[in-house]
Protein backbone atom coordinates (compact mmCIF):
# COMPACT_ATOMS: atom_id res chain seq x y z
CA UNK A 1 99.31 130.28 98.73
CA UNK A 2 101.41 129.42 95.35
CA UNK A 3 101.05 126.44 94.14
CA UNK A 4 103.18 123.79 95.17
CA UNK A 5 105.44 122.36 92.85
CA UNK A 6 105.81 118.29 91.92
CA UNK A 7 109.28 118.73 93.51
CA UNK A 8 107.57 120.22 96.64
CA UNK A 9 105.45 118.33 96.45
CA UNK A 10 107.74 115.09 96.43
CA UNK A 11 109.75 116.47 99.31
CA UNK A 12 106.77 116.90 101.62
CA UNK A 13 105.78 113.14 100.83
CA UNK A 14 108.97 112.22 101.32
CA UNK A 15 109.83 114.47 104.68
CA UNK A 16 106.69 113.43 106.35
CA UNK A 17 107.38 109.27 105.18
CA UNK A 18 110.31 109.39 106.86
CA UNK A 19 109.39 111.18 110.51
CA UNK A 20 106.52 108.85 110.65
CA UNK A 21 105.49 106.53 108.87
CA UNK A 22 101.66 106.87 108.26
CA UNK A 23 98.46 105.41 106.17
CA UNK A 24 97.00 106.96 103.47
CA UNK A 25 94.81 108.53 104.46
CA UNK A 26 96.51 110.41 106.97
CA UNK A 27 99.51 111.11 104.85
CA UNK A 28 97.09 113.50 102.91
CA UNK A 29 96.06 115.10 105.07
CA UNK A 30 99.58 115.53 106.22
CA UNK A 31 100.69 116.79 103.73
CA UNK A 32 97.13 118.69 102.29
CA UNK A 33 96.55 117.07 99.51
CA UNK A 34 93.19 115.30 98.03
CA UNK A 35 93.42 111.56 98.48
CA UNK A 36 92.21 110.93 94.99
CA UNK A 37 95.38 113.55 93.80
CA UNK A 38 98.12 111.43 96.14
CA UNK A 39 96.88 107.84 95.51
CA UNK A 40 99.01 108.13 92.02
CA UNK A 41 102.10 108.98 92.77
CA UNK A 42 102.45 106.93 96.21
CA UNK A 43 102.13 104.20 93.28
CA UNK A 44 104.15 105.70 91.44
CA UNK A 45 106.63 105.77 94.34
CA UNK A 46 106.41 102.06 95.86
CA UNK A 47 107.16 101.47 91.56
CA UNK A 48 110.22 102.90 91.98
CA UNK A 49 111.43 102.13 95.25
CA UNK A 50 111.23 105.27 97.52
CA UNK A 51 108.54 103.53 98.92
CA UNK A 52 106.59 100.48 100.96
CA UNK A 53 103.46 99.25 102.15
CA UNK A 54 103.45 97.65 104.67
CA UNK A 55 100.93 95.46 105.63
CA UNK A 56 99.60 95.12 108.88
CA UNK A 57 96.75 94.15 111.11
CA UNK A 58 94.97 97.77 110.72
CA UNK A 59 95.88 99.28 107.97
CA UNK A 60 98.39 99.26 105.05
CA UNK A 61 101.38 101.37 106.48
CA UNK A 62 103.93 103.74 103.83
CA UNK A 63 107.70 104.29 105.21
CA UNK A 64 110.61 105.81 102.71
CA UNK A 65 113.19 102.94 101.79
CA UNK A 66 116.77 103.72 101.44
CA UNK A 67 116.42 104.72 97.94
CA UNK A 68 113.64 107.02 99.34
CA UNK A 69 116.38 108.15 102.47
CA UNK A 70 118.57 109.79 100.22
CA UNK A 71 116.41 111.00 98.16
CA UNK A 72 115.63 113.17 100.30
CA UNK A 73 119.11 113.55 101.42
CA UNK A 74 119.65 114.70 97.78
CA UNK A 75 116.68 116.58 97.17
CA UNK A 76 116.86 118.33 100.63
CA UNK A 77 120.96 119.43 99.64
CA UNK A 78 119.10 120.87 96.72
CA UNK A 79 116.94 122.51 98.17
CA UNK A 80 119.72 124.32 99.94
CA UNK A 81 121.67 124.90 97.11
CA UNK A 82 118.68 126.13 95.48
CA UNK A 83 118.24 128.78 97.98
CA UNK A 84 122.02 129.77 98.41
CA UNK A 85 121.74 130.90 94.90
CA UNK A 86 118.57 132.71 95.63
CA UNK A 87 116.17 130.28 93.57
CA UNK A 88 113.82 127.55 94.94
CA UNK A 89 112.59 125.09 93.88
């Protein structure tokens, strides 16, 4: 299996959170990434306002912001355009 590109990883993270806001550890499992590799990406996405951390009694939950939802839509649109031309991310 070829390595995923950074864009593919971002789409996986955003798409996962769009369907199921979750804690960072579970997110790492769902997107098939080691937590230590996921952590800096999560920090960057939070800093850019694409995702946010919501603290609960038991854990921290990551969820998409409206900006994140818009980015995911655009990335999916771009992916479709590229596929229509026989290209990939």
